Protein backbone atom coordinates (compact mmCIF):
# COMPACT_ATOMS: atom_id res chain seq x y z
CA UNK A 1 -10.08 -17.05 10.09
CA UNK A 2 -8.19 -14.09 8.60
CA UNK A 3 -10.07 -10.85 7.94
CA UNK A 4 -8.89 -8.42 5.27
CA UNK A 5 -9.97 -4.80 5.68
CA UNK A 6 -9.60 -2.93 2.40
CA UNK A 7 -10.14 -6.20 0.56
CA UNK A 8 -11.19 -4.60 -2.73
CA UNK A 9 -8.44 -1.95 -2.71
CA UNK A 10 -4.91 -2.28 -4.06
CA UNK A 11 -2.83 -4.59 -1.82
CA UNK A 12 -5.92 -5.85 -0.02
CA UNK A 13 -7.36 -7.61 -3.06
CA UNK A 14 -4.02 -9.21 -3.91
CA UNK A 15 -3.62 -10.40 -0.31
CA UNK A 16 -7.06 -12.00 -0.38
CA UNK A 17 -6.06 -13.79 -3.59
CA UNK A 18 -2.72 -14.93 -2.14
CA UNK A 19 -4.34 -16.32 1.01
CA UNK A 20 -7.11 -18.05 -0.94
CA UNK A 21 -4.56 -19.61 -3.31
CA UNK A 22 -2.68 -20.93 -0.27
CA UNK A 23 -5.78 -22.60 1.07
CA UNK A 24 -6.17 -20.31 4.08
CA UNK A 25 -9.63 -19.38 5.40
CA UNK A 26 -10.09 -15.74 4.47
CA UNK A 27 -12.89 -13.27 5.01
CA UNK A 28 -13.18 -9.94 3.21
CA UNK A 29 -14.88 -6.85 4.61
CA UNK A 30 -16.85 -4.85 2.06
CA UNK A 31 -19.55 -2.19 2.09
CA UNK A 32 -20.95 -3.83 -1.07
CA UNK A 33 -20.25 -7.59 -1.00
CA UNK A 34 -22.23 -8.16 -4.17
CA UNK A 35 -19.71 -6.01 -6.08
CA UNK A 36 -16.50 -7.33 -4.49
CA UNK A 37 -15.51 -9.68 -7.31
CA UNK A 38 -13.24 -11.79 -5.11
CA UNK A 39 -12.24 -15.44 -5.70
CA UNK A 40 -14.64 -18.31 -5.07
CA UNK A 41 -14.37 -19.62 -1.55
CA UNK A 42 -13.67 -16.21 -0.01
CA UNK A 43 -16.26 -15.21 2.58
CA UNK A 44 -17.32 -11.65 1.82
CA UNK A 45 -19.13 -9.89 4.67
CA UNK A 46 -20.84 -6.54 4.80
CA UNK A 47 -19.31 -3.90 7.05
CA UNK A 48 -18.57 -0.20 7.18
CA UNK A 49 -15.51 1.14 9.00
CA UNK A 50 -17.43 4.29 9.90
CA UNK A 51 -20.23 2.29 11.56
CA UNK A 52 -18.82 0.38 14.51
CA UNK A 53 -22.01 -1.65 15.01
CA UNK A 54 -21.38 -3.41 11.66
CA UNK A 55 -17.92 -4.67 12.60
CA UNK A 56 -18.54 -7.20 15.38
CA UNK A 57 -20.16 -9.82 13.09
CA UNK A 58 -17.29 -9.52 10.61
CA UNK A 59 -14.74 -10.05 13.38
CA UNK A 60 -16.40 -13.10 14.91
CA UNK A 61 -13.93 -15.99 14.98
CA UNK A 62 -11.13 -13.90 13.43
CA UNK A 63 -7.62 -14.65 14.69
CA UNK A 64 -5.64 -12.37 12.35
CA UNK A 65 -6.47 -9.03 10.76
CA UNK A 66 -4.87 -7.22 7.80
CA UNK A 67 -5.52 -3.50 7.54
CA UNK A 68 -5.34 -1.55 4.28
CA UNK A 69 -6.80 1.80 5.28
CA UNK A 70 -7.51 4.93 3.26
CA UNK A 71 -5.44 7.87 4.44
CA UNK A 72 -7.15 9.78 7.22
CA UNK A 73 -9.72 7.17 8.20
CA UNK A 74 -10.28 6.87 11.95
CA UNK A 75 -9.18 3.34 12.87
CA UNK A 76 -10.36 3.56 16.49
CA UNK A 77 -13.80 1.93 16.01
CA UNK A 78 -12.29 -1.01 14.13
CA UNK A 79 -9.51 -1.50 16.67
CA UNK A 80 -11.98 -1.38 19.56
CA UNK A 81 -14.08 -4.02 17.86
CA UNK A 82 -10.99 -6.15 17.14
CA UNK A 83 -9.93 -6.00 20.77
CA UNK A 84 -13.40 -6.96 21.96
CA UNK A 85 -13.44 -9.86 19.48
CA UNK A 86 -10.12 -11.16 20.79
CA UNK A 87 -8.18 -10.78 17.55
CA UNK A 88 -4.67 -11.99 18.32
CA UNK A 89 -2.68 -10.65 15.37
CA UNK A 90 -2.88 -7.37 13.45
CA UNK A 91 -0.84 -6.59 10.34
CA UNK A 92 -1.00 -3.00 9.09
CA UNK A 93 0.01 -1.64 5.70
CA UNK A 94 1.76 1.53 6.84
CA UNK A 95 3.93 4.25 5.32
CA UNK A 96 7.66 4.48 4.87
CA UNK A 97 7.34 8.14 5.83
CA UNK A 98 7.06 7.17 9.52
CA UNK A 99 10.16 8.01 11.55
CA UNK A 100 10.72 5.66 14.48
CA UNK A 101 11.77 7.37 17.69
CA UNK A 102 10.81 10.86 16.51
CA UNK A 103 9.17 13.08 19.10
CA UNK A 104 7.12 14.56 16.29
CA UNK A 105 6.45 13.06 12.88
CA UNK A 106 7.66 15.17 9.92
CA UNK A 107 4.39 15.45 8.00
CA UNK A 108 0.72 14.54 8.00
CA UNK A 109 1.26 11.27 6.12
CA UNK A 110 3.78 10.06 8.68
CA UNK A 111 1.68 11.36 11.57
CA UNK A 112 -1.47 9.55 10.45
CA UNK A 113 0.26 6.20 9.94
CA UNK A 114 2.29 6.51 13.13
CA UNK A 115 -0.93 7.21 15.02
CA UNK A 116 -2.55 4.04 13.67
CA UNK A 117 0.58 2.05 14.51
CA UNK A 118 0.48 3.26 18.11
CA UNK A 119 -3.22 2.50 18.40
CA UNK A 120 -2.61 -1.04 17.15
CA UNK A 121 0.10 -1.56 19.76
CA UNK A 122 -2.36 -0.49 22.45
CA UNK A 123 -4.80 -3.27 21.53
CA UNK A 124 -2.46 -5.84 23.07
CA UNK A 125 -2.51 -7.99 19.92
CA UNK A 126 0.64 -9.20 18.17
CA UNK A 127 1.47 -6.61 15.54
CA UNK A 128 3.55 -6.30 12.39
CA UNK A 129 3.85 -3.20 10.22
CA UNK A 130 4.56 -3.35 6.48
CA UNK A 131 5.78 0.07 5.38
CA UNK A 132 5.78 1.23 1.76
CA UNK A 133 7.08 4.36 0.10
CA UNK A 134 6.08 5.04 -3.55
CA UNK A 135 5.05 1.48 -4.56
CA UNK A 136 4.89 0.51 -8.23
CA UNK A 137 1.10 0.76 -8.31
CA UNK A 138 1.45 4.55 -8.04
CA UNK A 139 2.39 4.53 -11.72
CA UNK A 140 -1.26 3.96 -12.58
CA UNK A 141 -1.58 7.71 -12.08
CA UNK A 142 0.20 8.11 -15.45
CA UNK A 143 -2.57 6.31 -17.34
CA UNK A 144 -4.82 9.29 -18.00
CA UNK A 145 -2.02 11.36 -19.52
CA UNK A 146 -0.83 8.45 -21.65
CA UNK A 147 -4.21 7.87 -23.30
CA UNK A 148 -3.60 10.82 -25.60
CA UNK A 149 0.15 11.35 -25.46
CA UNK A 150 3.54 9.68 -25.08
CA UNK A 151 4.58 12.23 -22.46
CA UNK A 152 4.07 12.11 -18.71
CA UNK A 153 4.27 15.59 -17.24
CA UNK A 154 4.94 16.07 -13.55
CA UNK A 155 7.25 17.34 -10.86
CA UNK A 156 10.60 15.84 -9.88
CA UNK A 157 11.66 13.67 -12.81
CA UNK A 158 14.71 12.69 -10.76
CA UNK A 159 12.78 11.62 -7.64
CA UNK A 160 13.83 8.09 -6.78
CA UNK A 161 12.13 5.07 -5.28
CA UNK A 162 12.53 1.30 -5.22
CA UNK A 163 9.03 0.46 -6.48
CA UNK A 164 7.64 -2.75 -5.03
CA UNK A 165 5.05 -4.85 -6.88
CA UNK A 166 1.69 -5.20 -5.11
CA UNK A 167 1.87 -8.97 -5.59
CA UNK A 168 5.08 -9.02 -3.56
CA UNK A 169 3.47 -6.95 -0.81
CA UNK A 170 0.56 -9.40 -0.79
CA UNK A 171 2.90 -12.39 -0.61
CA UNK A 172 4.67 -10.85 2.38
CA UNK A 173 1.35 -10.03 4.04
CA UNK A 174 0.13 -13.61 3.56
CA UNK A 175 3.30 -15.00 5.12
CA UNK A 176 3.14 -12.62 8.07
CA UNK A 177 -0.56 -13.31 8.66
CA UNK A 178 -0.11 -17.07 8.67
CA UNK A 179 3.47 -17.66 9.81
CA UNK A 180 5.51 -17.25 12.97
CA UNK A 181 8.38 -14.99 13.93
CA UNK A 182 6.99 -11.67 12.73
CA UNK A 183 5.45 -10.26 15.91
CA UNK A 184 6.76 -6.82 16.81
CA UNK A 185 8.57 -6.40 13.50
CA UNK A 186 8.57 -3.43 11.13
CA UNK A 187 9.28 -4.36 7.51
CA UNK A 188 10.23 -1.58 5.09
CA UNK A 189 9.42 -3.31 1.81
CA UNK A 190 11.18 -2.34 -1.42
CA UNK A 191 11.52 -3.55 -4.95
CA UNK A 192 14.88 -4.77 -6.28
CA UNK A 193 16.16 -1.53 -7.84
CA UNK A 194 16.34 2.23 -7.34
CA UNK A 195 14.70 4.15 -10.18
CA UNK A 196 13.83 7.75 -10.98
CA UNK A 197 10.37 8.68 -12.18
CA UNK A 198 11.89 9.23 -15.62
CA UNK A 199 13.36 5.70 -15.50
CA UNK A 200 9.96 4.24 -14.69
CA UNK A 201 8.29 5.99 -17.60
CA UNK A 202 10.94 4.68 -20.00
CA UNK A 203 10.52 1.12 -18.73
CA UNK A 204 6.76 1.44 -18.97
CA UNK A 205 7.20 2.65 -22.54
CA UNK A 206 9.20 -0.47 -23.39
CA UNK A 207 6.39 -2.66 -22.07
CA UNK A 208 3.83 -0.72 -24.10
CA UNK A 209 5.97 -0.50 -27.21
CA UNK A 210 5.82 3.31 -27.12
CA UNK A 211 8.56 5.97 -26.86
CA UNK A 212 7.38 7.38 -23.54
CA UNK A 213 9.23 10.14 -21.76
CA UNK A 214 8.88 12.20 -18.59
CA UNK A 215 8.70 15.97 -18.95
CA UNK A 216 9.51 17.78 -15.74
CA UNK A 217 7.24 20.61 -14.61
CA UNK A 218 7.98 23.22 -11.99
CA UNK A 219 6.83 21.77 -8.68
CA UNK A 220 5.26 24.95 -7.31
CA UNK A 221 2.37 25.30 -9.77
CA UNK A 222 1.75 21.54 -9.69
CA UNK A 223 1.44 21.63 -5.90
CA UNK A 224 -0.97 24.55 -6.15
CA UNK A 225 -3.11 22.84 -8.77
CA UNK A 226 -3.40 19.58 -6.82
CA UNK A 227 -4.13 21.45 -3.58
CA UNK A 228 -7.30 22.84 -5.16
CA UNK A 229 -9.02 19.46 -4.94
CA UNK A 230 -6.86 17.55 -2.42
CA UNK A 231 -5.83 18.23 1.17
CA UNK A 232 -3.00 20.82 0.81
CA UNK A 233 -1.11 19.37 3.79
CA UNK A 234 -1.20 15.92 2.18
CA UNK A 235 -0.06 17.28 -1.19
CA UNK A 236 2.83 19.18 0.38
CA UNK A 237 3.88 16.15 2.43
CA UNK A 238 3.87 13.95 -0.67
CA UNK A 239 5.85 16.45 -2.73
CA UNK A 240 8.33 17.04 0.10
CA UNK A 241 8.95 13.28 0.30
CA UNK A 242 9.58 13.18 -3.45
CA UNK A 243 11.82 16.24 -3.45
CA UNK A 244 13.98 14.77 -0.68
CA UNK A 245 14.89 11.79 -2.88
CA UNK A 246 16.15 13.72 -5.92
CA UNK A 247 19.79 12.88 -6.62
CA UNK A 248 19.86 10.05 -4.08
CA UNK A 249 19.62 6.34 -4.67
CA UNK A 250 16.55 4.86 -3.01
CA UNK A 251 17.23 2.25 -0.30
CA UNK A 252 16.88 -1.32 -1.56
CA UNK A 253 16.62 -4.41 0.61
CA UNK A 254 15.95 -8.13 0.26
CA UNK A 255 13.06 -8.42 2.72
CA UNK A 256 10.61 -9.65 0.10
CA UNK A 257 12.87 -12.58 -0.75
CA UNK A 258 13.77 -13.26 2.88
CA UNK A 259 10.13 -13.48 3.91
CA UNK A 260 8.58 -15.14 0.85
CA UNK A 261 11.51 -17.16 -0.49
CA UNK A 262 11.15 -15.48 -3.91
CA UNK A 263 13.04 -12.48 -5.31
CA UNK A 264 11.11 -9.25 -5.54
CA UNK A 265 9.60 -8.59 -8.96
CA UNK A 266 11.21 -5.86 -11.06
CA UNK A 267 9.44 -2.72 -12.21
CA UNK A 268 9.68 -4.11 -15.76
CA UNK A 269 7.63 -7.09 -14.57
CA UNK A 270 5.11 -4.72 -13.00
CA UNK A 271 4.82 -2.79 -16.25
CA UNK A 272 4.30 -6.01 -18.24
CA UNK A 273 1.62 -7.12 -15.78
CA UNK A 274 -0.26 -3.81 -16.18
CA UNK A 275 -0.12 -3.19 -19.92
CA UNK A 276 -3.90 -3.41 -20.15
CA UNK A 277 -4.28 -0.57 -17.64
CA UNK A 278 -2.56 1.82 -20.07
CA UNK A 279 -4.45 0.84 -23.22
């Protein structure tokens, strides 16, 4: 049995669907199973990551575990329960901000994910880390602005990334959870092309049939505004990561194809798949 934690979140839901489509026994952890809306045949069990006593039943008979965790959540109770249940394989959706070999991580995003990675290693289970940096699904943050305008306003129009489709991440996760040869590996997953934020908005506009454009705002006031209702350290870490990419091509690799046997989907494909989210 494979247990997906974060099964109704982005990446988790798609991984459940990929495993179910492949005929693999899959169990989904949810605080509200009746609202999960997952495919038929998926076992949905009730559990709360902040209540350790609810986790043991969900982990019974589980041989592999996929973790999609909200930033900042304490993974220790879950990992203790997984160790006690004898889970043999843990795959974690981590962050590309993590610096291997660093004596100190550069920001709170990297520090949190690195901490979870280290805790997973200490369980004694086989582990694999899938690291992402600015995946394509982040573009959903444009939707609110685009409901009343053809302009996306934000900082760092020239910030680059190689946005990876969540379906490709899920396909990789499914292979790693069910296949061999991935223990102790760190996979930095990317899409097939380096793009600026402005590039992404133009491609999204083509999918929507609208003349969309990105209007750059001064980063300072945007940071200050976001920090009013988000953790300031998180906001600054995110903006620092974006700023560091301006004027540089984002790294692109072929790991998605190497692991799944299929080329990574383009951002144009992602935009076409998500047209309804912007209507």
